[in-house]
Every structure is written in C-alpha cells, then in structure tokens.
C-alpha cells in the first residue's frame, strides 16, 4: 500500500470512528488537529469529558491489537498535543480523557460495517 493509500484509509477510519461515536452520543469538536508537537485524530465531548481520541485501523488483529500501537512515546506525544489544544481552547471546562478507538476492516474501505472497539481512559 502506498503512502497516499494508507493516508486515505486512515482518514476513512477516522471518519468511521467519528460516525460511530456520534451514534453513542459523543459530539465531535475537532478532527485531525495538528500543532507543532503532533496530531490528535479526534477530539470529542460527552456530558462530563473532553476526549482526545487516537484512532487505530487494522485489517485484522493477527499481529497486535490497534491499541498496542499507542506506546509510551505515542502517549506522551498525544498528551503534549492535547496541552497545545487546551491552551487554544481554555473555556472548555470538561475533564480531559485519553481514549483509543479500534476499527477492524478486513476489506479496507470496502468494509461496510467495521468491527469497533472503544477504550475509554486508555492511558
């Protein structure tokens, strides 16, 4: 898979995750947020929490589950990027939380209903 195809598939996965989270009552406030420290795939709110969400898309989990790719280094990068977002949006007033969304799509973007797992407060 080329870099462009992987990026397209990643964006598709993020859009699917956002759709599934909306169905669960989350409000998506940002997608693909970038600052000099990194990127956060999705930022969403619930009634109590501001969720910084890392989306992991896999065709299967034979190698390792998607959440395993969110190692200590990635977690620190997400925390630092979240601090940047919070500095830009000081009036949110919700408790921050870091979540991981896993999607399994065996046929890639042709998968009609990917398997979805959501890990609240993942780290």
PDB file of N, CA and C in Angstrom:
ATOM      1  N   UNK A   1       0.850  -1.174   0.000  1.00  0.00           N
ATOM      2  CA  UNK A   1       0.000   0.000   0.000  1.00  0.00           C
ATOM      3  C   UNK A   1       0.896   1.237   0.000  1.00  0.00           C
ATOM      4  N   UNK A   2       0.610   2.167  -0.887  1.00  0.00           N
ATOM      5  CA  UNK A   2       1.413   3.388  -0.974  1.00  0.00           C
ATOM      6  C   UNK A   2       1.077   4.320   0.189  1.00  0.00           C
ATOM      7  N   UNK A   3       1.925   5.319   0.390  1.00  0.00           N
ATOM      8  CA  UNK A   3       1.694   6.284   1.453  1.00  0.00           C
ATOM      9  C   UNK A   3       0.379   7.023   1.292  1.00  0.00           C
ATOM     10  N   UNK A   4       0.040   7.366   0.042  1.00  0.00           N
ATOM     11  CA  UNK A   4      -1.223   8.060  -0.218  1.00  0.00           C
ATOM     12  C   UNK A   4      -2.427   7.192   0.090  1.00  0.00           C
ATOM     13  N   UNK A   5      -2.327   5.912  -0.264  1.00  0.00           N
ATOM     14  CA  UNK A   5      -3.427   4.981   0.023  1.00  0.00           C
ATOM     15  C   UNK A   5      -3.589   4.777   1.524  1.00  0.00           C
ATOM     16  N   UNK A   6      -2.476   4.671   2.228  1.00  0.00           N
ATOM     17  CA  UNK A   6      -2.527   4.489   3.681  1.00  0.00           C
ATOM     18  C   UNK A   6      -3.148   5.710   4.353  1.00  0.00           C
ATOM     19  N   UNK A   7      -2.789   6.891   3.876  1.00  0.00           N
ATOM     20  CA  UNK A   7      -3.343   8.123   4.441  1.00  0.00           C
ATOM     21  C   UNK A   7      -4.848   8.199   4.190  1.00  0.00           C
ATOM     22  N   UNK A   8      -5.267   7.846   2.988  1.00  0.00           N
ATOM     23  CA  UNK A   8      -6.687   7.842   2.646  1.00  0.00           C
ATOM     24  C   UNK A   8      -7.449   6.844   3.515  1.00  0.00           C
ATOM     25  N   UNK A   9      -6.892   5.657   3.697  1.00  0.00           N
ATOM     26  CA  UNK A   9      -7.521   4.643   4.534  1.00  0.00           C
ATOM     27  C   UNK A   9      -7.601   5.116   5.986  1.00  0.00           C
ATOM     28  N   UNK A  10      -6.551   5.775   6.460  1.00  0.00           N
ATOM     29  CA  UNK A  10      -6.556   6.318   7.819  1.00  0.00           C
ATOM     30  C   UNK A  10      -7.642   7.359   8.012  1.00  0.00           C
ATOM     31  N   UNK A  11      -7.797   8.251   7.046  1.00  0.00           N
ATOM     32  CA  UNK A  11      -8.852   9.280   7.135  1.00  0.00           C
ATOM     33  C   UNK A  11     -10.240   8.637   7.096  1.00  0.00           C
ATOM     34  N   UNK A  12     -10.383   7.600   6.283  1.00  0.00           N
ATOM     35  CA  UNK A  12     -11.654   6.866   6.233  1.00  0.00           C
ATOM     36  C   UNK A  12     -11.951   6.273   7.609  1.00  0.00           C
ATOM     37  N   UNK A  13     -10.941   5.673   8.239  1.00  0.00           N
ATOM     38  CA  UNK A  13     -11.116   5.092   9.568  1.00  0.00           C
ATOM     39  C   UNK A  13     -11.500   6.136  10.600  1.00  0.00           C
ATOM     40  N   UNK A  14     -10.890   7.296  10.533  1.00  0.00           N
ATOM     41  CA  UNK A  14     -11.221   8.373  11.463  1.00  0.00           C
ATOM     42  C   UNK A  14     -12.655   8.851  11.256  1.00  0.00           C
ATOM     43  N   UNK A  15     -13.085   8.957   9.999  1.00  0.00           N
ATOM     44  CA  UNK A  15     -14.466   9.362   9.710  1.00  0.00           C
ATOM     45  C   UNK A  15     -15.453   8.315  10.213  1.00  0.00           C
ATOM     46  N   UNK A  16     -15.132   7.030  10.022  1.00  0.00           N
ATOM     47  CA  UNK A  16     -15.997   5.948  10.520  1.00  0.00           C
ATOM     48  C   UNK A  16     -16.084   5.995  12.039  1.00  0.00           C
ATOM     49  N   UNK A  17     -14.937   6.181  12.701  1.00  0.00           N
ATOM     50  CA  UNK A  17     -14.926   6.260  14.166  1.00  0.00           C
ATOM     51  C   UNK A  17     -15.774   7.435  14.641  1.00  0.00           C
ATOM     52  N   UNK A  18     -15.656   8.584  13.976  1.00  0.00           N
ATOM     53  CA  UNK A  18     -16.456   9.754  14.346  1.00  0.00           C
ATOM     54  C   UNK A  18     -17.946   9.457  14.207  1.00  0.00           C
ATOM     55  N   UNK A  19     -18.313   8.798  13.125  1.00  0.00           N
ATOM     56  CA  UNK A  19     -19.718   8.425  12.899  1.00  0.00           C
ATOM     57  C   UNK A  19     -20.223   7.508  14.022  1.00  0.00           C
ATOM     58  N   UNK A  20     -19.442   6.511  14.375  1.00  0.00           N
ATOM     59  CA  UNK A  20     -19.850   5.570  15.422  1.00  0.00           C
ATOM     60  C   UNK A  20     -19.903   6.244  16.791  1.00  0.00           C
ATOM     61  N   UNK A  21     -19.002   7.171  17.045  1.00  0.00           N
ATOM     62  CA  UNK A  21     -19.027   7.896  18.317  1.00  0.00           C
ATOM     63  C   UNK A  21     -20.236   8.825  18.403  1.00  0.00           C
ATOM     64  N   UNK A  22     -20.593   9.468  17.298  1.00  0.00           N
ATOM     65  CA  UNK A  22     -21.802  10.305  17.291  1.00  0.00           C
ATOM     66  C   UNK A  22     -23.031   9.468  17.641  1.00  0.00           C
ATOM     67  N   UNK A  23     -23.084   8.252  17.105  1.00  0.00           N
ATOM     68  CA  UNK A  23     -24.205   7.359  17.407  1.00  0.00           C
ATOM     69  C   UNK A  23     -24.264   7.013  18.892  1.00  0.00           C
ATOM     70  N   UNK A  24     -23.141   7.098  19.565  1.00  0.00           N
ATOM     71  CA  UNK A  24     -23.070   6.809  21.007  1.00  0.00           C
ATOM     72  C   UNK A  24     -23.243   8.070  21.855  1.00  0.00           C
ATOM     73  N   UNK A  25     -23.534   9.191  21.218  1.00  0.00           N
ATOM     74  CA  UNK A  25     -23.805  10.414  21.957  1.00  0.00           C
ATOM     75  C   UNK A  25     -22.639  11.374  22.112  1.00  0.00           C
ATOM     76  N   UNK A  26     -21.518  11.089  21.490  1.00  0.00           N
ATOM     77  CA  UNK A  26     -20.379  11.997  21.547  1.00  0.00           C
ATOM     78  C   UNK A  26     -20.597  13.142  20.559  1.00  0.00           C
ATOM     79  N   UNK A  27     -20.054  14.301  20.885  1.00  0.00           N
ATOM     80  CA  UNK A  27     -20.036  15.439  19.971  1.00  0.00           C
ATOM     81  C   UNK A  27     -18.594  15.631  19.508  1.00  0.00           C
ATOM     82  N   UNK A  28     -18.375  15.549  18.220  1.00  0.00           N
ATOM     83  CA  UNK A  28     -17.026  15.724  17.665  1.00  0.00           C
ATOM     84  C   UNK A  28     -16.757  17.224  17.554  1.00  0.00           C
ATOM     85  N   UNK A  29     -15.697  17.684  18.209  1.00  0.00           N
ATOM     86  CA  UNK A  29     -15.366  19.109  18.164  1.00  0.00           C
ATOM     87  C   UNK A  29     -14.167  19.400  17.262  1.00  0.00           C
ATOM     88  N   UNK A  30     -13.362  18.379  16.958  1.00  0.00           N
ATOM     89  CA  UNK A  30     -12.231  18.567  16.043  1.00  0.00           C
ATOM     90  C   UNK A  30     -11.810  17.217  15.481  1.00  0.00           C
ATOM     91  N   UNK A  31     -11.313  17.254  14.256  1.00  0.00           N
ATOM     92  CA  UNK A  31     -10.774  16.048  13.613  1.00  0.00           C
ATOM     93  C   UNK A  31      -9.455  16.423  12.956  1.00  0.00           C
ATOM     94  N   UNK A  32      -8.452  15.593  13.150  1.00  0.00           N
ATOM     95  CA  UNK A  32      -7.154  15.844  12.537  1.00  0.00           C
ATOM     96  C   UNK A  32      -6.476  17.099  13.048  1.00  0.00           C
ATOM     97  N   UNK A  33      -6.601  17.364  14.354  1.00  0.00           N
ATOM     98  CA  UNK A  33      -5.963  18.547  14.928  1.00  0.00           C
ATOM     99  C   UNK A  33      -4.442  18.398  14.884  1.00  0.00           C
ATOM    100  N   UNK A  34      -3.769  19.441  14.400  1.00  0.00           N
ATOM    101  CA  UNK A  34      -2.302  19.456  14.315  1.00  0.00           C
ATOM    102  C   UNK A  34      -1.745  20.646  15.082  1.00  0.00           C
ATOM    103  N   UNK A  35      -0.634  20.430  15.724  1.00  0.00           N
ATOM    104  CA  UNK A  35       0.197  21.522  16.227  1.00  0.00           C
ATOM    105  C   UNK A  35       1.642  21.072  16.056  1.00  0.00           C
ATOM    106  N   UNK A  36       2.579  21.863  16.490  1.00  0.00           N
ATOM    107  CA  UNK A  36       3.981  21.520  16.249  1.00  0.00           C
ATOM    108  C   UNK A  36       4.419  20.246  16.958  1.00  0.00           C
ATOM    109  N   UNK A  37       3.635  19.789  17.936  1.00  0.00           N
ATOM    110  CA  UNK A  37       4.011  18.595  18.695  1.00  0.00           C
ATOM    111  C   UNK A  37       3.464  17.304  18.107  1.00  0.00           C
ATOM    112  N   UNK A  38       2.403  17.400  17.303  1.00  0.00           N
ATOM    113  CA  UNK A  38       1.831  16.184  16.738  1.00  0.00           C
ATOM    114  C   UNK A  38       0.404  16.374  16.272  1.00  0.00           C
ATOM    115  N   UNK A  39      -0.313  15.256  16.200  1.00  0.00           N
ATOM    116  CA  UNK A  39      -1.694  15.249  15.712  1.00  0.00           C
ATOM    117  C   UNK A  39      -2.568  14.451  16.666  1.00  0.00           C
ATOM    118  N   UNK A  40      -3.802  14.892  16.796  1.00  0.00           N
ATOM    119  CA  UNK A  40      -4.828  14.129  17.504  1.00  0.00           C
ATOM    120  C   UNK A  40      -5.911  13.832  16.484  1.00  0.00           C
ATOM    121  N   UNK A  41      -6.256  12.551  16.343  1.00  0.00           N
ATOM    122  CA  UNK A  41      -7.208  12.141  15.310  1.00  0.00           C
ATOM    123  C   UNK A  41      -8.579  12.757  15.521  1.00  0.00           C
ATOM    124  N   UNK A  42      -9.140  12.587  16.722  1.00  0.00           N
ATOM    125  CA  UNK A  42     -10.467  13.128  17.023  1.00  0.00           C
ATOM    126  C   UNK A  42     -10.467  13.748  18.413  1.00  0.00           C
ATOM    127  N   UNK A  43     -11.213  14.824  18.551  1.00  0.00           N
ATOM    128  CA  UNK A  43     -11.462  15.423  19.857  1.00  0.00           C
ATOM    129  C   UNK A  43     -12.974  15.507  19.976  1.00  0.00           C
ATOM    130  N   UNK A  44     -13.501  14.950  21.065  1.00  0.00           N
ATOM    131  CA  UNK A  44     -14.952  14.864  21.230  1.00  0.00           C
ATOM    132  C   UNK A  44     -15.327  15.180  22.671  1.00  0.00           C
ATOM    133  N   UNK A  45     -16.595  15.516  22.861  1.00  0.00           N
ATOM    134  CA  UNK A  45     -17.088  15.762  24.213  1.00  0.00           C
ATOM    135  C   UNK A  45     -18.244  14.827  24.535  1.00  0.00           C
ATOM    136  N   UNK A  46     -18.355  14.555  25.832  1.00  0.00           N
ATOM    137  CA  UNK A  46     -19.533  13.912  26.401  1.00  0.00           C
ATOM    138  C   UNK A  46     -20.059  14.916  27.415  1.00  0.00           C
ATOM    139  N   UNK A  47     -21.018  14.533  28.221  1.00  0.00           N
ATOM    140  CA  UNK A  47     -21.523  15.482  29.212  1.00  0.00           C
ATOM    141  C   UNK A  47     -20.478  15.840  30.268  1.00  0.00           C
ATOM    142  N   UNK A  48     -19.501  14.960  30.525  1.00  0.00           N
ATOM    143  CA  UNK A  48     -18.501  15.200  31.565  1.00  0.00           C
ATOM    144  C   UNK A  48     -17.067  15.326  31.064  1.00  0.00           C
ATOM    145  N   UNK A  49     -16.786  14.795  29.888  1.00  0.00           N
ATOM    146  CA  UNK A  49     -15.394  14.647  29.465  1.00  0.00           C
ATOM    147  C   UNK A  49     -15.088  15.298  28.121  1.00  0.00           C
ATOM    148  N   UNK A  50     -13.838  15.730  28.014  1.00  0.00           N
ATOM    149  CA  UNK A  50     -13.248  16.158  26.753  1.00  0.00           C
ATOM    150  C   UNK A  50     -12.308  15.028  26.354  1.00  0.00           C
ATOM    151  N   UNK A  51     -12.636  14.334  25.290  1.00  0.00           N
ATOM    152  CA  UNK A  51     -11.929  13.113  24.904  1.00  0.00           C
ATOM    153  C   UNK A  51     -10.968  13.370  23.754  1.00  0.00           C
ATOM    154  N   UNK A  52      -9.709  13.060  23.991  1.00  0.00           N
ATOM    155  CA  UNK A  52      -8.683  13.097  22.957  1.00  0.00           C
ATOM    156  C   UNK A  52      -8.535  11.658  22.481  1.00  0.00           C
ATOM    157  N   UNK A  53      -8.865  11.420  21.211  1.00  0.00           N
ATOM    158  CA  UNK A  53      -9.038  10.053  20.722  1.00  0.00           C
ATOM    159  C   UNK A  53      -8.019   9.715  19.639  1.00  0.00           C
ATOM    160  N   UNK A  54      -7.299   8.638  19.873  1.00  0.00           N
ATOM    161  CA  UNK A  54      -6.390   8.074  18.874  1.00  0.00           C
ATOM    162  C   UNK A  54      -7.142   6.949  18.175  1.00  0.00           C
ATOM    163  N   UNK A  55      -7.237   7.019  16.856  1.00  0.00           N
ATOM    164  CA  UNK A  55      -7.950   6.008  16.070  1.00  0.00           C
ATOM    165  C   UNK A  55      -6.925   5.069  15.443  1.00  0.00           C
ATOM    166  N   UNK A  56      -7.150   3.771  15.616  1.00  0.00           N
ATOM    167  CA  UNK A  56      -6.281   2.756  15.023  1.00  0.00           C
ATOM    168  C   UNK A  56      -7.129   1.848  14.155  1.00  0.00           C
ATOM    169  N   UNK A  57      -6.769   1.766  12.884  1.00  0.00           N
ATOM    170  CA  UNK A  57      -7.479   0.938  11.914  1.00  0.00           C
ATOM    171  C   UNK A  57      -6.589  -0.233  11.536  1.00  0.00           C
ATOM    172  N   UNK A  58      -7.155  -1.410  11.569  1.00  0.00           N
ATOM    173  CA  UNK A  58      -6.428  -2.625  11.195  1.00  0.00           C
ATOM    174  C   UNK A  58      -7.313  -3.474  10.295  1.00  0.00           C
ATOM    175  N   UNK A  59      -6.674  -4.259   9.450  1.00  0.00           N
ATOM    176  CA  UNK A  59      -7.443  -5.227   8.656  1.00  0.00           C
ATOM    177  C   UNK A  59      -7.780  -6.442   9.504  1.00  0.00           C
ATOM    178  N   UNK A  60      -6.916  -6.765  10.473  1.00  0.00           N
ATOM    179  CA  UNK A  60      -7.196  -7.831  11.439  1.00  0.00           C
ATOM    180  C   UNK A  60      -6.281  -7.617  12.636  1.00  0.00           C
ATOM    181  N   UNK A  61      -6.470  -8.426  13.662  1.00  0.00           N
ATOM    182  CA  UNK A  61      -5.639  -8.267  14.852  1.00  0.00           C
ATOM    183  C   UNK A  61      -4.642  -9.412  15.020  1.00  0.00           C
ATOM    184  N   UNK A  62      -4.254 -10.038  13.900  1.00  0.00           N
ATOM    185  CA  UNK A  62      -3.350 -11.182  13.990  1.00  0.00           C
ATOM    186  C   UNK A  62      -1.954 -10.780  14.480  1.00  0.00           C
ATOM    187  N   UNK A  63      -1.522  -9.568  14.185  1.00  0.00           N
ATOM    188  CA  UNK A  63      -0.207  -9.121  14.647  1.00  0.00           C
ATOM    189  C   UNK A  63      -0.302  -8.584  16.075  1.00  0.00           C
ATOM    190  N   UNK A  64      -1.136  -7.593  16.275  1.00  0.00           N
ATOM    191  CA  UNK A  64      -1.338  -6.988  17.597  1.00  0.00           C
ATOM    192  C   UNK A  64      -2.571  -6.107  17.516  1.00  0.00           C
ATOM    193  N   UNK A  65      -3.289  -5.968  18.611  1.00  0.00           N
ATOM    194  CA  UNK A  65      -4.442  -5.063  18.583  1.00  0.00           C
ATOM    195  C   UNK A  65      -3.989  -3.625  18.336  1.00  0.00           C
ATOM    196  N   UNK A  66      -4.876  -2.830  17.773  1.00  0.00           N
ATOM    197  CA  UNK A  66      -4.539  -1.450  17.445  1.00  0.00           C
ATOM    198  C   UNK A  66      -4.068  -0.650  18.640  1.00  0.00           C
ATOM    199  N   UNK A  67      -4.692  -0.879  19.782  1.00  0.00           N
ATOM    200  CA  UNK A  67      -4.329  -0.088  20.962  1.00  0.00           C
ATOM    201  C   UNK A  67      -2.885  -0.345  21.407  1.00  0.00           C
ATOM    202  N   UNK A  68      -2.322  -1.500  21.023  1.00  0.00           N
ATOM    203  CA  UNK A  68      -0.930  -1.801  21.375  1.00  0.00           C
ATOM    204  C   UNK A  68       0.039  -0.850  20.674  1.00  0.00           C
ATOM    205  N   UNK A  69      -0.388  -0.241  19.581  1.00  0.00           N
ATOM    206  CA  UNK A  69       0.461   0.707  18.854  1.00  0.00           C
ATOM    207  C   UNK A  69       0.556   2.057  19.561  1.00  0.00           C
ATOM    208  N   UNK A  70      -0.277   2.273  20.565  1.00  0.00           N
ATOM    209  CA  UNK A  70      -0.236   3.524  21.321  1.00  0.00           C
ATOM    210  C   UNK A  70       0.709   3.300  22.510  1.00  0.00           C
ATOM    211  N   UNK A  71       1.991   3.302  22.194  1.00  0.00           N
ATOM    212  CA  UNK A  71       3.006   3.031  23.207  1.00  0.00           C
ATOM    213  C   UNK A  71       3.289   4.281  24.045  1.00  0.00           C
ATOM    214  N   UNK A  72       4.210   4.153  24.976  1.00  0.00           N
ATOM    215  CA  UNK A  72       4.521   5.254  25.900  1.00  0.00           C
ATOM    216  C   UNK A  72       4.932   6.528  25.151  1.00  0.00           C
ATOM    217  N   UNK A  73       5.731   6.379  24.114  1.00  0.00           N
ATOM    218  CA  UNK A  73       6.171   7.541  23.325  1.00  0.00           C
ATOM    219  C   UNK A  73       4.983   8.234  22.660  1.00  0.00           C
ATOM    220  N   UNK A  74       4.090   7.445  22.064  1.00  0.00           N
ATOM    221  CA  UNK A  74       2.900   7.995  21.407  1.00  0.00           C
ATOM    222  C   UNK A  74       1.982   8.652  22.439  1.00  0.00           C
ATOM    223  N   UNK A  75       1.840   8.032  23.602  1.00  0.00           N
ATOM    224  CA  UNK A  75       1.014   8.610  24.659  1.00  0.00           C
ATOM    225  C   UNK A  75       1.532   9.983  25.068  1.00  0.00           C
ATOM    226  N   UNK A  76       2.843  10.103  25.237  1.00  0.00           N
ATOM    227  CA  UNK A  76       3.419  11.387  25.624  1.00  0.00           C
ATOM    228  C   UNK A  76       3.200  12.434  24.539  1.00  0.00           C
ATOM    229  N   UNK A  77       3.334  12.031  23.294  1.00  0.00           N
ATOM    230  CA  UNK A  77       3.103  12.945  22.174  1.00  0.00           C
ATOM    231  C   UNK A  77       1.644  13.419  22.168  1.00  0.00           C
ATOM    232  N   UNK A  78       0.716  12.514  22.429  1.00  0.00           N
ATOM    233  CA  UNK A  78      -0.701  12.882  22.481  1.00  0.00           C
ATOM    234  C   UNK A  78      -0.975  13.831  23.646  1.00  0.00           C
ATOM    235  N   UNK A  79      -0.374  13.577  24.792  1.00  0.00           N
ATOM    236  CA  UNK A  79      -0.565  14.465  25.950  1.00  0.00           C
ATOM    237  C   UNK A  79      -0.066  15.878  25.641  1.00  0.00           C
ATOM    238  N   UNK A  80       1.110  15.967  25.047  1.00  0.00           N
ATOM    239  CA  UNK A  80       1.686  17.273  24.721  1.00  0.00           C
ATOM    240  C   UNK A  80       0.833  17.999  23.679  1.00  0.00           C
ATOM    241  N   UNK A  81       0.347  17.272  22.699  1.00  0.00           N
ATOM    242  CA  UNK A  81      -0.518  17.867  21.677  1.00  0.00           C
ATOM    243  C   UNK A  81      -1.839  18.315  22.296  1.00  0.00           C
ATOM    244  N   UNK A  82      -2.369  17.530  23.225  1.00  0.00           N
ATOM    245  CA  UNK A  82      -3.607  17.908  23.919  1.00  0.00           C
ATOM    246  C   UNK A  82      -3.403  19.187  24.727  1.00  0.00           C
ATOM    247  N   UNK A  83      -2.249  19.330  25.362  1.00  0.00           N
ATOM    248  CA  UNK A  83      -1.955  20.561  26.101  1.00  0.00           C
ATOM    249  C   UNK A  83      -1.983  21.768  25.170  1.00  0.00           C
ATOM    250  N   UNK A  84      -1.482  21.594  23.970  1.00  0.00           N
ATOM    251  CA  UNK A  84      -1.496  22.657  22.969  1.00  0.00           C
ATOM    252  C   UNK A  84      -2.945  23.033  22.625  1.00  0.00           C
ATOM    253  N   UNK A  85      -3.798  22.013  22.385  1.00  0.00           N
ATOM    254  CA  UNK A  85      -5.203  22.266  22.056  1.00  0.00           C
ATOM    255  C   UNK A  85      -5.905  22.962  23.221  1.00  0.00           C
ATOM    256  N   UNK A  86      -5.648  22.496  24.439  1.00  0.00           N
ATOM    257  CA  UNK A  86      -6.282  23.098  25.618  1.00  0.00           C
ATOM    258  C   UNK A  86      -5.862  24.555  25.797  1.00  0.00           C
ATOM    259  N   UNK A  87      -4.616  24.877  25.473  1.00  0.00           N
ATOM    260  CA  UNK A  87      -4.156  26.266  25.560  1.00  0.00           C
ATOM    261  C   UNK A  87      -4.897  27.156  24.564  1.00  0.00           C
ATOM    262  N   UNK A  88      -5.282  26.582  23.418  1.00  0.00           N
ATOM    263  CA  UNK A  88      -6.028  27.328  22.403  1.00  0.00           C
ATOM    264  C   UNK A  88      -7.520  27.412  22.724  1.00  0.00           C
ATOM    265  N   UNK A  89      -8.019  26.538  23.605  1.00  0.00           N
ATOM    266  CA  UNK A  89      -9.444  26.469  23.948  1.00  0.00           C
ATOM    267  C   UNK A  89      -9.605  26.416  25.468  1.00  0.00           C
ATOM    268  N   UNK A  90      -9.263  27.501  26.162  1.00  0.00           N
ATOM    269  CA  UNK A  90      -9.251  27.467  27.630  1.00  0.00           C
ATOM    270  C   UNK A  90     -10.629  27.426  28.288  1.00  0.00           C
ATOM    271  N   UNK A  91     -11.695  27.669  27.548  1.00  0.00           N
ATOM    272  CA  UNK A  91     -13.029  27.766  28.146  1.00  0.00           C
ATOM    273  C   UNK A  91     -13.841  26.481  28.099  1.00  0.00           C
ATOM    274  N   UNK A  92     -13.239  25.357  27.754  1.00  0.00           N
ATOM    275  CA  UNK A  92     -13.992  24.106  27.612  1.00  0.00           C
ATOM    276  C   UNK A  92     -14.581  23.653  28.943  1.00  0.00           C
ATOM    277  N   UNK A  93     -13.799  23.596  29.991  1.00  0.00           N
ATOM    278  CA  UNK A  93     -14.315  23.277  31.316  1.00  0.00           C
ATOM    279  C   UNK A  93     -14.725  21.830  31.546  1.00  0.00           C
ATOM    280  N   UNK A  94     -14.216  20.907  30.752  1.00  0.00           N
ATOM    281  CA  UNK A  94     -14.511  19.483  30.946  1.00  0.00           C
ATOM    282  C   UNK A  94     -13.232  18.749  31.333  1.00  0.00           C
ATOM    283  N   UNK A  95     -13.395  17.637  32.013  1.00  0.00           N
ATOM    284  CA  UNK A  95     -12.259  16.801  32.417  1.00  0.00           C
ATOM    285  C   UNK A  95     -11.649  16.129  31.188  1.00  0.00           C
ATOM    286  N   UNK A  96     -10.354  16.316  30.924  1.00  0.00           N
ATOM    287  CA  UNK A  96      -9.725  15.643  29.781  1.00  0.00           C
ATOM    288  C   UNK A  96      -9.597  14.136  30.015  1.00  0.00           C
ATOM    289  N   UNK A  97      -9.671  13.402  28.920  1.00  0.00           N
ATOM    290  CA  UNK A  97      -9.539  11.946  28.967  1.00  0.00           C
ATOM    291  C   UNK A  97      -8.912  11.498  27.653  1.00  0.00           C
ATOM    292  N   UNK A  98      -8.100  10.463  27.715  1.00  0.00           N
ATOM    293  CA  UNK A  98      -7.448   9.930  26.516  1.00  0.00           C
ATOM    294  C   UNK A  98      -8.027   8.558  26.201  1.00  0.00           C
ATOM    295  N   UNK A  99      -8.603   8.436  25.017  1.00  0.00           N
ATOM    296  CA  UNK A  99      -9.273   7.213  24.590  1.00  0.00           C
ATOM    297  C   UNK A  99      -8.614   6.666  23.327  1.00  0.00           C
ATOM    298  N   UNK A 100      -8.850   5.388  23.071  1.00  0.00           N
ATOM    299  CA  UNK A 100      -8.382   4.761  21.838  1.00  0.00           C
ATOM    300  C   UNK A 100      -9.569   4.086  21.170  1.00  0.00           C
ATOM    301  N   UNK A 101      -9.750   4.360  19.882  1.00  0.00           N
ATOM    302  CA  UNK A 101     -10.785   3.707  19.075  1.00  0.00           C
ATOM    303  C   UNK A 101     -10.091   2.739  18.124  1.00  0.00           C
ATOM    304  N   UNK A 102     -10.547   1.494  18.129  1.00  0.00           N
ATOM    305  CA  UNK A 102     -10.008   0.479  17.218  1.00  0.00           C
ATOM    306  C   UNK A 102     -11.077   0.101  16.215  1.00  0.00           C
ATOM    307  N   UNK A 103     -10.698   0.081  14.964  1.00  0.00           N
ATOM    308  CA  UNK A 103     -11.583  -0.406  13.911  1.00  0.00           C
ATOM    309  C   UNK A 103     -10.880  -1.536  13.185  1.00  0.00           C
ATOM    310  N   UNK A 104     -11.620  -2.600  12.939  1.00  0.00           N
ATOM    311  CA  UNK A 104     -11.116  -3.717  12.142  1.00  0.00           C
ATOM    312  C   UNK A 104     -11.944  -3.776  10.875  1.00  0.00           C
ATOM    313  N   UNK A 105     -11.269  -3.580   9.746  1.00  0.00           N
ATOM    314  CA  UNK A 105     -11.933  -3.513   8.446  1.00  0.00           C
ATOM    315  C   UNK A 105     -11.218  -4.461   7.492  1.00  0.00           C
ATOM    316  N   UNK A 106     -11.634  -5.738   7.439  1.00  0.00           N
ATOM    317  CA  UNK A 106     -10.932  -6.738   6.628  1.00  0.00           C
ATOM    318  C   UNK A 106     -10.806  -6.382   5.149  1.00  0.00           C
ATOM    319  N   UNK A 107     -11.793  -5.682   4.597  1.00  0.00           N
ATOM    320  CA  UNK A 107     -11.741  -5.292   3.184  1.00  0.00           C
ATOM    321  C   UNK A 107     -11.382  -3.817   3.014  1.00  0.00           C
ATOM    322  N   UNK A 108     -10.742  -3.232   4.003  1.00  0.00           N
ATOM    323  CA  UNK A 108     -10.394  -1.822   3.915  1.00  0.00           C
ATOM    324  C   UNK A 108     -11.641  -0.966   3.794  1.00  0.00           C
ATOM    325  N   UNK A 109     -11.604   0.022   2.901  1.00  0.00           N
ATOM    326  CA  UNK A 109     -12.739   0.939   2.752  1.00  0.00           C
ATOM    327  C   UNK A 109     -13.975   0.266   2.183  1.00  0.00           C
ATOM    328  N   UNK A 110     -13.836  -0.928   1.640  1.00  0.00           N
ATOM    329  CA  UNK A 110     -14.997  -1.669   1.138  1.00  0.00           C
ATOM    330  C   UNK A 110     -15.770  -2.345   2.270  1.00  0.00           C
ATOM    331  N   UNK A 111     -15.222  -2.340   3.477  1.00  0.00           N
ATOM    332  CA  UNK A 111     -15.898  -2.936   4.632  1.00  0.00           C
ATOM    333  C   UNK A 111     -17.104  -2.081   4.991  1.00  0.00           C
ATOM    334  N   UNK A 112     -18.276  -2.679   4.946  1.00  0.00           N
ATOM    335  CA  UNK A 112     -19.497  -1.911   5.216  1.00  0.00           C
ATOM    336  C   UNK A 112     -19.633  -1.543   6.687  1.00  0.00           C
ATOM    337  N   UNK A 113     -19.421  -2.501   7.559  1.00  0.00           N
ATOM    338  CA  UNK A 113     -19.549  -2.241   8.991  1.00  0.00           C
ATOM    339  C   UNK A 113     -18.317  -2.783   9.712  1.00  0.00           C
ATOM    340  N   UNK A 114     -17.310  -1.941   9.889  1.00  0.00           N
ATOM    341  CA  UNK A 114     -16.107  -2.420  10.571  1.00  0.00           C
ATOM    342  C   UNK A 114     -16.407  -2.767  12.029  1.00  0.00           C
ATOM    343  N   UNK A 115     -15.657  -3.723  12.541  1.00  0.00           N
ATOM    344  CA  UNK A 115     -15.750  -4.059  13.963  1.00  0.00           C
ATOM    345  C   UNK A 115     -15.150  -2.887  14.738  1.00  0.00           C
ATOM    346  N   UNK A 116     -15.828  -2.460  15.797  1.00  0.00           N
ATOM    347  CA  UNK A 116     -15.434  -1.252  16.518  1.00  0.00           C
ATOM    348  C   UNK A 116     -15.267  -1.564  17.998  1.00  0.00           C
ATOM    349  N   UNK A 117     -14.125  -1.179  18.533  1.00  0.00           N
ATOM    350  CA  UNK A 117     -13.867  -1.295  19.973  1.00  0.00           C
ATOM    351  C   UNK A 117     -13.429   0.077  20.462  1.00  0.00           C
ATOM    352  N   UNK A 118     -13.899   0.444  21.646  1.00  0.00           N
ATOM    353  CA  UNK A 118     -13.583   1.763  22.174  1.00  0.00           C
ATOM    354  C   UNK A 118     -13.078   1.630  23.603  1.00  0.00           C
ATOM    355  N   UNK A 119     -11.912   2.197  23.854  1.00  0.00           N
ATOM    356  CA  UNK A 119     -11.259   2.107  25.153  1.00  0.00           C
ATOM    357  C   UNK A 119     -11.243   3.487  25.799  1.00  0.00           C
ATOM    358  N   UNK A 120     -12.160   3.713  26.727  1.00  0.00           N
ATOM    359  CA  UNK A 120     -12.195   4.974  27.464  1.00  0.00           C
ATOM    360  C   UNK A 120     -11.042   5.000  28.464  1.00  0.00           C
ATOM    361  N   UNK A 121     -10.495   6.191  28.662  1.00  0.00           N
ATOM    362  CA  UNK A 121      -9.430   6.370  29.645  1.00  0.00           C
ATOM    363  C   UNK A 121      -8.317   5.338  29.432  1.00  0.00           C
ATOM    364  N   UNK A 122      -7.895   5.194  28.186  1.00  0.00           N
ATOM    365  CA  UNK A 122      -6.951   4.143  27.795  1.00  0.00           C
ATOM    366  C   UNK A 122      -5.556   4.334  28.403  1.00  0.00           C
ATOM    367  N   UNK A 123      -5.218   5.562  28.723  1.00  0.00           N
ATOM    368  CA  UNK A 123      -3.914   5.819  29.362  1.00  0.00           C
ATOM    369  C   UNK A 123      -3.960   7.132  30.112  1.00  0.00           C
TER     370      UNK A 123
END
